């Protein structure tokens, strides 16, 4: 009973010794740190968006490739800055609640040596990510083949590349695992179509087809880099002639032009028959 009474007295004296004034400022500081971190994060996002928009609107930059690269760098810069702000906020909060972060940093250094082999892949991802951005290997919006995956690049950060395929599936690929990339939309693309027609109909069909090709080129200069080439003989097989049409297009436009060429070719053949 005496021990219980003594314990209650000690607890009461401890509570009296803790001043509300000493708790309140710390609470306010923590709130201020969190509020400042959120505000800086919002401002960071705002300014990166604003700067990239201003650069894109400059009349000097008319190359779509440069605009694509600006968008990619903007996203990566924003992500890196938000990450750094988060780390600084955590460090400040730990300091405010009385946790000395120096031993944590030292412990992290020792632990880093212990798991050094385990983080080699992460370092490889980071290094590859830097080179992908610096060399402009591909960017957000590009259509790419990476290993067994193909689709449109939706996001790039320092460690991973995210692409979405034609089925809508999202593939997250560590940059360190990317050995070879095929970019289908860098600077320009190529659309082509070929068909076999009887030798007896060759001249008549090819003349009609070339007229339609010239009309199409005039109407679609906005998606063609140069006028579409006239139909030419690709190969001769027994009684058939293989005719091929090619077009140099702006990025991502090749699928539309190929569909248009199929329709154009079908119309010519139906009209000729």
C-alpha atoms as a PDB file:
ATOM      1  CA  UNK A   1       0.000   0.000   0.000  1.00  0.00           C
ATOM      2  CA  UNK A   2       2.857   2.320   0.857  1.00  0.00           C
ATOM      3  CA  UNK A   3       4.558   1.565  -2.444  1.00  0.00           C
ATOM      4  CA  UNK A   4       1.356   2.383  -4.341  1.00  0.00           C
ATOM      5  CA  UNK A   5       0.994   5.672  -2.463  1.00  0.00           C
ATOM      6  CA  UNK A   6       4.624   6.573  -3.169  1.00  0.00           C
ATOM      7  CA  UNK A   7       4.185   5.749  -6.902  1.00  0.00           C
ATOM      8  CA  UNK A   8       1.080   7.980  -7.136  1.00  0.00           C
ATOM      9  CA  UNK A   9       2.925  10.862  -5.461  1.00  0.00           C
ATOM     10  CA  UNK A  10       5.876  10.548  -7.838  1.00  0.00           C
ATOM     11  CA  UNK A  11       3.568  10.437 -10.841  1.00  0.00           C
ATOM     12  CA  UNK A  12       1.687  13.530  -9.607  1.00  0.00           C
ATOM     13  CA  UNK A  13       4.933  15.464  -9.097  1.00  0.00           C
ATOM     14  CA  UNK A  14       6.131  14.458 -12.602  1.00  0.00           C
ATOM     15  CA  UNK A  15       2.900  15.738 -14.184  1.00  0.00           C
ATOM     16  CA  UNK A  16       3.256  19.007 -12.291  1.00  0.00           C
ATOM     17  CA  UNK A  17       6.828  19.361 -13.503  1.00  0.00           C
ATOM     18  CA  UNK A  18       5.767  19.137 -17.171  1.00  0.00           C
ATOM     19  CA  UNK A  19       4.721  22.581 -18.338  1.00  0.00           C
ATOM     20  CA  UNK A  20       2.021  22.913 -20.981  1.00  0.00           C
ATOM     21  CA  UNK A  21       3.992  25.847 -22.354  1.00  0.00           C
ATOM     22  CA  UNK A  22       6.873  23.520 -23.200  1.00  0.00           C
ATOM     23  CA  UNK A  23       4.560  21.096 -25.064  1.00  0.00           C
ATOM     24  CA  UNK A  24       2.558  23.674 -26.985  1.00  0.00           C
ATOM     25  CA  UNK A  25       5.495  25.293 -28.811  1.00  0.00           C
ATOM     26  CA  UNK A  26       6.715  21.858 -30.013  1.00  0.00           C
ATOM     27  CA  UNK A  27       3.238  21.044 -31.282  1.00  0.00           C
ATOM     28  CA  UNK A  28       3.106  24.346 -33.103  1.00  0.00           C
ATOM     29  CA  UNK A  29       6.550  23.752 -34.578  1.00  0.00           C
ATOM     30  CA  UNK A  30       5.541  20.302 -35.832  1.00  0.00           C
ATOM     31  CA  UNK A  31       2.389  21.747 -37.370  1.00  0.00           C
ATOM     32  CA  UNK A  32       4.403  24.562 -38.921  1.00  0.00           C
ATOM     33  CA  UNK A  33       6.941  22.098 -40.402  1.00  0.00           C
ATOM     34  CA  UNK A  34       4.179  19.969 -41.930  1.00  0.00           C
ATOM     35  CA  UNK A  35       2.342  22.993 -43.298  1.00  0.00           C
ATOM     36  CA  UNK A  36       5.548  24.420 -44.761  1.00  0.00           C
ATOM     37  CA  UNK A  37       6.420  21.066 -46.361  1.00  0.00           C
ATOM     38  CA  UNK A  38       2.999  20.822 -48.008  1.00  0.00           C
ATOM     39  CA  UNK A  39       3.218  24.441 -49.186  1.00  0.00           C
ATOM     40  CA  UNK A  40       6.719  23.996 -50.643  1.00  0.00           C
ATOM     41  CA  UNK A  41       5.614  20.787 -52.388  1.00  0.00           C
ATOM     42  CA  UNK A  42       2.648  22.580 -53.960  1.00  0.00           C
ATOM     43  CA  UNK A  43       4.847  25.498 -55.010  1.00  0.00           C
ATOM     44  CA  UNK A  44       7.429  23.107 -56.477  1.00  0.00           C
ATOM     45  CA  UNK A  45       4.773  21.419 -58.602  1.00  0.00           C
ATOM     46  CA  UNK A  46       3.325  24.777 -59.631  1.00  0.00           C
ATOM     47  CA  UNK A  47       6.662  26.267 -60.683  1.00  0.00           C
ATOM     48  CA  UNK A  48       7.860  23.191 -62.587  1.00  0.00           C
ATOM     49  CA  UNK A  49       4.547  23.152 -64.488  1.00  0.00           C
ATOM     50  CA  UNK A  50       4.739  26.906 -65.095  1.00  0.00           C
ATOM     51  CA  UNK A  51       8.348  26.886 -66.290  1.00  0.00           C
ATOM     52  CA  UNK A  52       7.782  23.947 -68.658  1.00  0.00           C
ATOM     53  CA  UNK A  53       4.645  25.629 -70.060  1.00  0.00           C
ATOM     54  CA  UNK A  54       6.528  28.879 -70.661  1.00  0.00           C
ATOM     55  CA  UNK A  55       9.357  27.054 -72.436  1.00  0.00           C
ATOM     56  CA  UNK A  56       6.924  25.119 -74.624  1.00  0.00           C
ATOM     57  CA  UNK A  57       5.162  28.329 -75.647  1.00  0.00           C
ATOM     58  CA  UNK A  58       8.389  29.909 -76.890  1.00  0.00           C
ATOM     59  CA  UNK A  59       8.259  30.309 -80.632  1.00  0.00           C
ATOM     60  CA  UNK A  60      11.860  29.080 -80.869  1.00  0.00           C
ATOM     61  CA  UNK A  61      10.791  25.590 -79.804  1.00  0.00           C
ATOM     62  CA  UNK A  62       8.795  24.116 -82.652  1.00  0.00           C
ATOM     63  CA  UNK A  63      10.252  20.620 -82.464  1.00  0.00           C
ATOM     64  CA  UNK A  64       7.770  18.186 -80.919  1.00  0.00           C
ATOM     65  CA  UNK A  65      10.672  16.034 -79.728  1.00  0.00           C
ATOM     66  CA  UNK A  66      12.037  18.879 -77.594  1.00  0.00           C
ATOM     67  CA  UNK A  67       8.595  19.487 -76.084  1.00  0.00           C
ATOM     68  CA  UNK A  68       8.338  15.785 -75.257  1.00  0.00           C
ATOM     69  CA  UNK A  69      11.719  15.888 -73.543  1.00  0.00           C
ATOM     70  CA  UNK A  70      10.763  18.992 -71.563  1.00  0.00           C
ATOM     71  CA  UNK A  71       7.664  17.185 -70.270  1.00  0.00           C
ATOM     72  CA  UNK A  72       9.746  14.171 -69.234  1.00  0.00           C
ATOM     73  CA  UNK A  73      12.395  16.246 -67.440  1.00  0.00           C
ATOM     74  CA  UNK A  74       9.664  18.266 -65.732  1.00  0.00           C
ATOM     75  CA  UNK A  75       8.085  15.130 -64.237  1.00  0.00           C
ATOM     76  CA  UNK A  76      11.426  13.693 -63.077  1.00  0.00           C
ATOM     77  CA  UNK A  77      12.555  17.021 -61.567  1.00  0.00           C
ATOM     78  CA  UNK A  78       9.273  17.379 -59.711  1.00  0.00           C
ATOM     79  CA  UNK A  79       9.484  13.828 -58.317  1.00  0.00           C
ATOM     80  CA  UNK A  80      13.098  14.278 -57.155  1.00  0.00           C
ATOM     81  CA  UNK A  81      12.350  17.607 -55.440  1.00  0.00           C
ATOM     82  CA  UNK A  82       9.285  16.189 -53.670  1.00  0.00           C
ATOM     83  CA  UNK A  83      11.400  13.253 -52.464  1.00  0.00           C
ATOM     84  CA  UNK A  84      14.072  15.603 -51.055  1.00  0.00           C
ATOM     85  CA  UNK A  85      11.440  17.776 -49.370  1.00  0.00           C
ATOM     86  CA  UNK A  86       9.948  14.657 -47.747  1.00  0.00           C
ATOM     87  CA  UNK A  87      13.360  13.550 -46.412  1.00  0.00           C
ATOM     88  CA  UNK A  88      14.064  17.004 -44.968  1.00  0.00           C
ATOM     89  CA  UNK A  89      10.609  17.131 -43.356  1.00  0.00           C
ATOM     90  CA  UNK A  90      11.110  13.738 -41.686  1.00  0.00           C
ATOM     91  CA  UNK A  91      14.523  14.821 -40.353  1.00  0.00           C
ATOM     92  CA  UNK A  92      13.086  18.058 -38.900  1.00  0.00           C
ATOM     93  CA  UNK A  93      10.143  16.229 -37.311  1.00  0.00           C
ATOM     94  CA  UNK A  94      12.436  13.678 -35.673  1.00  0.00           C
ATOM     95  CA  UNK A  95      14.501  16.530 -34.261  1.00  0.00           C
ATOM     96  CA  UNK A  96      11.413  18.256 -32.840  1.00  0.00           C
ATOM     97  CA  UNK A  97      10.183  15.152 -30.997  1.00  0.00           C
ATOM     98  CA  UNK A  98      13.602  14.719 -29.419  1.00  0.00           C
ATOM     99  CA  UNK A  99      15.083  11.938 -31.536  1.00  0.00           C
ATOM    100  CA  UNK A 100      18.734  12.484 -32.351  1.00  0.00           C
ATOM    101  CA  UNK A 101      19.142  11.663 -36.029  1.00  0.00           C
ATOM    102  CA  UNK A 102      22.965  11.503 -35.904  1.00  0.00           C
ATOM    103  CA  UNK A 103      23.027   7.907 -34.561  1.00  0.00           C
ATOM    104  CA  UNK A 104      20.346   6.987 -37.124  1.00  0.00           C
ATOM    105  CA  UNK A 105      22.502   8.335 -39.951  1.00  0.00           C
ATOM    106  CA  UNK A 106      25.556   6.525 -38.578  1.00  0.00           C
ATOM    107  CA  UNK A 107      23.538   3.321 -38.222  1.00  0.00           C
ATOM    108  CA  UNK A 108      22.246   3.740 -41.743  1.00  0.00           C
ATOM    109  CA  UNK A 109      25.847   4.011 -42.929  1.00  0.00           C
ATOM    110  CA  UNK A 110      26.823   0.778 -41.222  1.00  0.00           C
ATOM    111  CA  UNK A 111      23.684  -0.923 -42.485  1.00  0.00           C
ATOM    112  CA  UNK A 112      24.455   0.416 -45.942  1.00  0.00           C
ATOM    113  CA  UNK A 113      27.789  -1.378 -45.886  1.00  0.00           C
ATOM    114  CA  UNK A 114      26.075  -4.572 -44.774  1.00  0.00           C
ATOM    115  CA  UNK A 115      23.465  -4.514 -47.533  1.00  0.00           C
ATOM    116  CA  UNK A 116      25.702  -2.959 -50.178  1.00  0.00           C
ATOM    117  CA  UNK A 117      25.410  -5.955 -52.431  1.00  0.00           C
ATOM    118  CA  UNK A 118      21.639  -5.878 -52.122  1.00  0.00           C
ATOM    119  CA  UNK A 119      21.332  -2.300 -53.377  1.00  0.00           C
ATOM    120  CA  UNK A 120      23.536  -2.715 -56.428  1.00  0.00           C
ATOM    121  CA  UNK A 121      20.451  -3.173 -58.604  1.00  0.00           C
ATOM    122  CA  UNK A 122      18.939   0.055 -57.265  1.00  0.00           C
ATOM    123  CA  UNK A 123      22.139   1.958 -58.047  1.00  0.00           C
ATOM    124  CA  UNK A 124      22.134   0.418 -61.530  1.00  0.00           C
ATOM    125  CA  UNK A 125      18.523   1.555 -62.008  1.00  0.00           C
ATOM    126  CA  UNK A 126      19.426   5.101 -60.974  1.00  0.00           C
ATOM    127  CA  UNK A 127      22.485   5.320 -63.228  1.00  0.00           C
ATOM    128  CA  UNK A 128      20.572   3.968 -66.231  1.00  0.00           C
ATOM    129  CA  UNK A 129      17.714   6.364 -65.497  1.00  0.00           C
ATOM    130  CA  UNK A 130      20.068   9.335 -65.577  1.00  0.00           C
ATOM    131  CA  UNK A 131      21.508   8.250 -68.949  1.00  0.00           C
ATOM    132  CA  UNK A 132      18.038   7.627 -70.421  1.00  0.00           C
ATOM    133  CA  UNK A 133      17.081  11.211 -69.592  1.00  0.00           C
ATOM    134  CA  UNK A 134      20.417  12.807 -70.489  1.00  0.00           C
ATOM    135  CA  UNK A 135      20.661  11.065 -73.868  1.00  0.00           C
ATOM    136  CA  UNK A 136      16.939  11.488 -74.605  1.00  0.00           C
ATOM    137  CA  UNK A 137      16.661   7.802 -75.502  1.00  0.00           C
ATOM    138  CA  UNK A 138      12.872   8.007 -75.218  1.00  0.00           C
ATOM    139  CA  UNK A 139      10.303  10.160 -73.473  1.00  0.00           C
ATOM    140  CA  UNK A 140       6.756  10.304 -72.170  1.00  0.00           C
ATOM    141  CA  UNK A 141       4.348   9.708 -75.046  1.00  0.00           C
ATOM    142  CA  UNK A 142       6.761   7.643 -77.153  1.00  0.00           C
ATOM    143  CA  UNK A 143       5.686   4.258 -78.506  1.00  0.00           C
ATOM    144  CA  UNK A 144       8.410   1.762 -77.602  1.00  0.00           C
ATOM    145  CA  UNK A 145       9.401  -1.893 -77.481  1.00  0.00           C
ATOM    146  CA  UNK A 146      11.326  -2.733 -74.308  1.00  0.00           C
ATOM    147  CA  UNK A 147      12.202  -6.409 -74.136  1.00  0.00           C
ATOM    148  CA  UNK A 148       8.958  -8.355 -74.461  1.00  0.00           C
ATOM    149  CA  UNK A 149       6.842  -5.290 -73.658  1.00  0.00           C
ATOM    150  CA  UNK A 150       5.513  -2.778 -76.147  1.00  0.00           C
ATOM    151  CA  UNK A 151       3.287   0.226 -75.637  1.00  0.00           C
ATOM    152  CA  UNK A 152       3.250   3.950 -74.873  1.00  0.00           C
ATOM    153  CA  UNK A 153       5.548   5.462 -72.239  1.00  0.00           C
ATOM    154  CA  UNK A 154       3.318   6.946 -69.530  1.00  0.00           C
ATOM    155  CA  UNK A 155       5.988   7.975 -67.041  1.00  0.00           C
ATOM    156  CA  UNK A 156       9.747   7.940 -66.501  1.00  0.00           C
ATOM    157  CA  UNK A 157      11.501   8.486 -63.210  1.00  0.00           C
ATOM    158  CA  UNK A 158      15.069   7.980 -62.085  1.00  0.00           C
ATOM    159  CA  UNK A 159      14.481   4.308 -61.194  1.00  0.00           C
ATOM    160  CA  UNK A 160      11.693   2.963 -63.426  1.00  0.00           C
ATOM    161  CA  UNK A 161       9.962   3.336 -66.780  1.00  0.00           C
ATOM    162  CA  UNK A 162       6.186   2.836 -66.949  1.00  0.00           C
ATOM    163  CA  UNK A 163       4.526   1.819 -70.224  1.00  0.00           C
ATOM    164  CA  UNK A 164       0.923   0.924 -71.092  1.00  0.00           C
ATOM    165  CA  UNK A 165       0.268  -1.637 -73.823  1.00  0.00           C
ATOM    166  CA  UNK A 166      -2.630  -1.887 -76.272  1.00  0.00           C
ATOM    167  CA  UNK A 167      -4.692  -3.939 -73.815  1.00  0.00           C
ATOM    168  CA  UNK A 168      -4.437  -1.218 -71.181  1.00  0.00           C
ATOM    169  CA  UNK A 169      -2.026  -3.206 -68.997  1.00  0.00           C
ATOM    170  CA  UNK A 170       0.623  -1.134 -67.215  1.00  0.00           C
ATOM    171  CA  UNK A 171       4.204  -2.462 -67.117  1.00  0.00           C
ATOM    172  CA  UNK A 172       6.693  -1.064 -64.582  1.00  0.00           C
ATOM    173  CA  UNK A 173      10.235  -1.764 -65.779  1.00  0.00           C
ATOM    174  CA  UNK A 174      13.344  -1.062 -63.641  1.00  0.00           C
ATOM    175  CA  UNK A 175      15.727   1.078 -65.696  1.00  0.00           C
ATOM    176  CA  UNK A 176      18.639  -1.208 -64.825  1.00  0.00           C
ATOM    177  CA  UNK A 177      16.964  -4.095 -66.660  1.00  0.00           C
ATOM    178  CA  UNK A 178      16.557  -2.155 -69.915  1.00  0.00           C
ATOM    179  CA  UNK A 179      19.171  -3.457 -72.342  1.00  0.00           C
ATOM    180  CA  UNK A 180      17.664  -2.488 -75.683  1.00  0.00           C
ATOM    181  CA  UNK A 181      14.844  -0.157 -76.687  1.00  0.00           C
ATOM    182  CA  UNK A 182      13.071   0.222 -80.006  1.00  0.00           C
ATOM    183  CA  UNK A 183      11.475   3.661 -80.300  1.00  0.00           C
ATOM    184  CA  UNK A 184       8.782   3.822 -82.980  1.00  0.00           C
ATOM    185  CA  UNK A 185       7.978   7.514 -82.650  1.00  0.00           C
ATOM    186  CA  UNK A 186      11.294   9.356 -82.446  1.00  0.00           C
ATOM    187  CA  UNK A 187      11.400  12.298 -84.883  1.00  0.00           C
ATOM    188  CA  UNK A 188       9.423  10.464 -87.593  1.00  0.00           C
ATOM    189  CA  UNK A 189       7.749   7.159 -88.462  1.00  0.00           C
ATOM    190  CA  UNK A 190       7.237   5.110 -91.584  1.00  0.00           C
ATOM    191  CA  UNK A 191       3.954   3.741 -92.948  1.00  0.00           C
ATOM    192  CA  UNK A 192       3.868   1.175 -95.730  1.00  0.00           C
ATOM    193  CA  UNK A 193       1.469  -1.203 -97.429  1.00  0.00           C
ATOM    194  CA  UNK A 194       1.873  -3.706-100.267  1.00  0.00           C
ATOM    195  CA  UNK A 195      -0.456  -5.805-102.412  1.00  0.00           C
ATOM    196  CA  UNK A 196      -0.266  -8.273-105.286  1.00  0.00           C
ATOM    197  CA  UNK A 197      -2.186  -7.483-108.499  1.00  0.00           C
ATOM    198  CA  UNK A 198      -2.305  -9.358-111.811  1.00  0.00           C
ATOM    199  CA  UNK A 199       0.290  -8.310-114.368  1.00  0.00           C
ATOM    200  CA  UNK A 200      -2.486  -7.649-116.885  1.00  0.00           C
ATOM    201  CA  UNK A 201      -4.039  -5.018-114.576  1.00  0.00           C
ATOM    202  CA  UNK A 202      -0.771  -3.478-113.363  1.00  0.00           C
ATOM    203  CA  UNK A 203      -0.603  -0.309-115.470  1.00  0.00           C
ATOM    204  CA  UNK A 204      -4.240   0.640-115.091  1.00  0.00           C
ATOM    205  CA  UNK A 205      -4.278   0.066-111.310  1.00  0.00           C
ATOM    206  CA  UNK A 206      -0.987   1.816-110.634  1.00  0.00           C
ATOM    207  CA  UNK A 207      -2.033   4.923-112.617  1.00  0.00           C
ATOM    208  CA  UNK A 208      -5.306   5.211-110.683  1.00  0.00           C
ATOM    209  CA  UNK A 209      -3.507   4.540-107.410  1.00  0.00           C
ATOM    210  CA  UNK A 210      -0.875   7.217-107.965  1.00  0.00           C
ATOM    211  CA  UNK A 211      -3.575   9.822-108.676  1.00  0.00           C
ATOM    212  CA  UNK A 212      -5.252   8.964-105.372  1.00  0.00           C
ATOM    213  CA  UNK A 213      -1.904   9.037-103.554  1.00  0.00           C
ATOM    214  CA  UNK A 214      -1.131  12.554-104.820  1.00  0.00           C
ATOM    215  CA  UNK A 215      -4.590  13.778-103.732  1.00  0.00           C
ATOM    216  CA  UNK A 216      -4.149  12.195-100.317  1.00  0.00           C
ATOM    217  CA  UNK A 217      -0.710  13.807 -99.854  1.00  0.00           C
ATOM    218  CA  UNK A 218      -2.141  17.258-100.599  1.00  0.00           C
ATOM    219  CA  UNK A 219      -4.975  16.832 -98.098  1.00  0.00           C
ATOM    220  CA  UNK A 220      -2.852  15.396 -95.267  1.00  0.00           C
ATOM    221  CA  UNK A 221       0.251  17.556 -95.144  1.00  0.00           C
ATOM    222  CA  UNK A 222      -0.271  18.043 -91.401  1.00  0.00           C
ATOM    223  CA  UNK A 223       0.626  14.397 -90.648  1.00  0.00           C
ATOM    224  CA  UNK A 224       3.075  13.751 -93.504  1.00  0.00           C
ATOM    225  CA  UNK A 225       6.680  14.892 -93.241  1.00  0.00           C
ATOM    226  CA  UNK A 226       7.076  14.699 -96.999  1.00  0.00           C
ATOM    227  CA  UNK A 227       4.725  13.851 -99.910  1.00  0.00           C
ATOM    228  CA  UNK A 228       3.854  10.189-100.123  1.00  0.00           C
ATOM    229  CA  UNK A 229       5.882   8.209-102.655  1.00  0.00           C
ATOM    230  CA  UNK A 230       4.051   6.894-105.673  1.00  0.00           C
ATOM    231  CA  UNK A 231       3.276   3.199-105.890  1.00  0.00           C
ATOM    232  CA  UNK A 232       6.238   1.178-107.139  1.00  0.00           C
ATOM    233  CA  UNK A 233       6.974  -2.434-108.038  1.00  0.00           C
ATOM    234  CA  UNK A 234       8.452  -4.268-105.072  1.00  0.00           C
ATOM    235  CA  UNK A 235       8.581  -7.739-106.591  1.00  0.00           C
ATOM    236  CA  UNK A 236       7.271  -9.872-109.460  1.00  0.00           C
ATOM    237  CA  UNK A 237       5.856 -13.300-108.682  1.00  0.00           C
ATOM    238  CA  UNK A 238       4.767 -15.408-111.656  1.00  0.00           C
ATOM    239  CA  UNK A 239       1.598 -13.722-112.960  1.00  0.00           C
ATOM    240  CA  UNK A 240       1.380 -11.150-110.130  1.00  0.00           C
ATOM    241  CA  UNK A 241       3.135  -7.869-109.441  1.00  0.00           C
ATOM    242  CA  UNK A 242       3.772  -6.794-105.841  1.00  0.00           C
ATOM    243  CA  UNK A 243       3.088  -3.056-105.444  1.00  0.00           C
ATOM    244  CA  UNK A 244       4.331  -1.117-102.409  1.00  0.00           C
ATOM    245  CA  UNK A 245       3.399   2.354-101.114  1.00  0.00           C
ATOM    246  CA  UNK A 246       5.443   4.091 -98.402  1.00  0.00           C
ATOM    247  CA  UNK A 247       5.005   7.311 -96.465  1.00  0.00           C
ATOM    248  CA  UNK A 248       7.239   9.243 -94.058  1.00  0.00           C
ATOM    249  CA  UNK A 249       4.937  10.434 -91.287  1.00  0.00           C
ATOM    250  CA  UNK A 250       5.015  12.427 -88.119  1.00  0.00           C
ATOM    251  CA  UNK A 251       5.397  10.371 -84.914  1.00  0.00           C
ATOM    252  CA  UNK A 252       2.388   8.213 -83.955  1.00  0.00           C
ATOM    253  CA  UNK A 253       0.636   8.952 -87.278  1.00  0.00           C
ATOM    254  CA  UNK A 254       1.733   5.805 -89.109  1.00  0.00           C
ATOM    255  CA  UNK A 255      -1.207   3.674 -87.923  1.00  0.00           C
ATOM    256  CA  UNK A 256      -3.774   6.178 -89.225  1.00  0.00           C
ATOM    257  CA  UNK A 257      -2.011   6.504 -92.565  1.00  0.00           C
ATOM    258  CA  UNK A 258      -1.758   2.742 -92.984  1.00  0.00           C
ATOM    259  CA  UNK A 259      -5.508   2.421 -92.380  1.00  0.00           C
ATOM    260  CA  UNK A 260      -6.157   5.229 -94.880  1.00  0.00           C
ATOM    261  CA  UNK A 261      -3.936   3.530 -97.471  1.00  0.00           C
ATOM    262  CA  UNK A 262      -5.808   0.238 -97.086  1.00  0.00           C
ATOM    263  CA  UNK A 263      -9.109   2.027 -97.638  1.00  0.00           C
ATOM    264  CA  UNK A 264      -7.689   3.995-100.562  1.00  0.00           C
ATOM    265  CA  UNK A 265      -6.311   0.829-102.162  1.00  0.00           C
ATOM    266  CA  UNK A 266      -9.579  -1.021-101.683  1.00  0.00           C
ATOM    267  CA  UNK A 267     -11.534   1.822-103.305  1.00  0.00           C
ATOM    268  CA  UNK A 268      -9.205   1.840-106.315  1.00  0.00           C
ATOM    269  CA  UNK A 269      -9.443  -1.929-106.764  1.00  0.00           C
ATOM    270  CA  UNK A 270     -13.216  -1.937-106.409  1.00  0.00           C
ATOM    271  CA  UNK A 271     -13.531   0.917-108.885  1.00  0.00           C
ATOM    272  CA  UNK A 272     -11.176  -0.802-111.315  1.00  0.00           C
ATOM    273  CA  UNK A 273     -13.090  -4.092-111.172  1.00  0.00           C
END
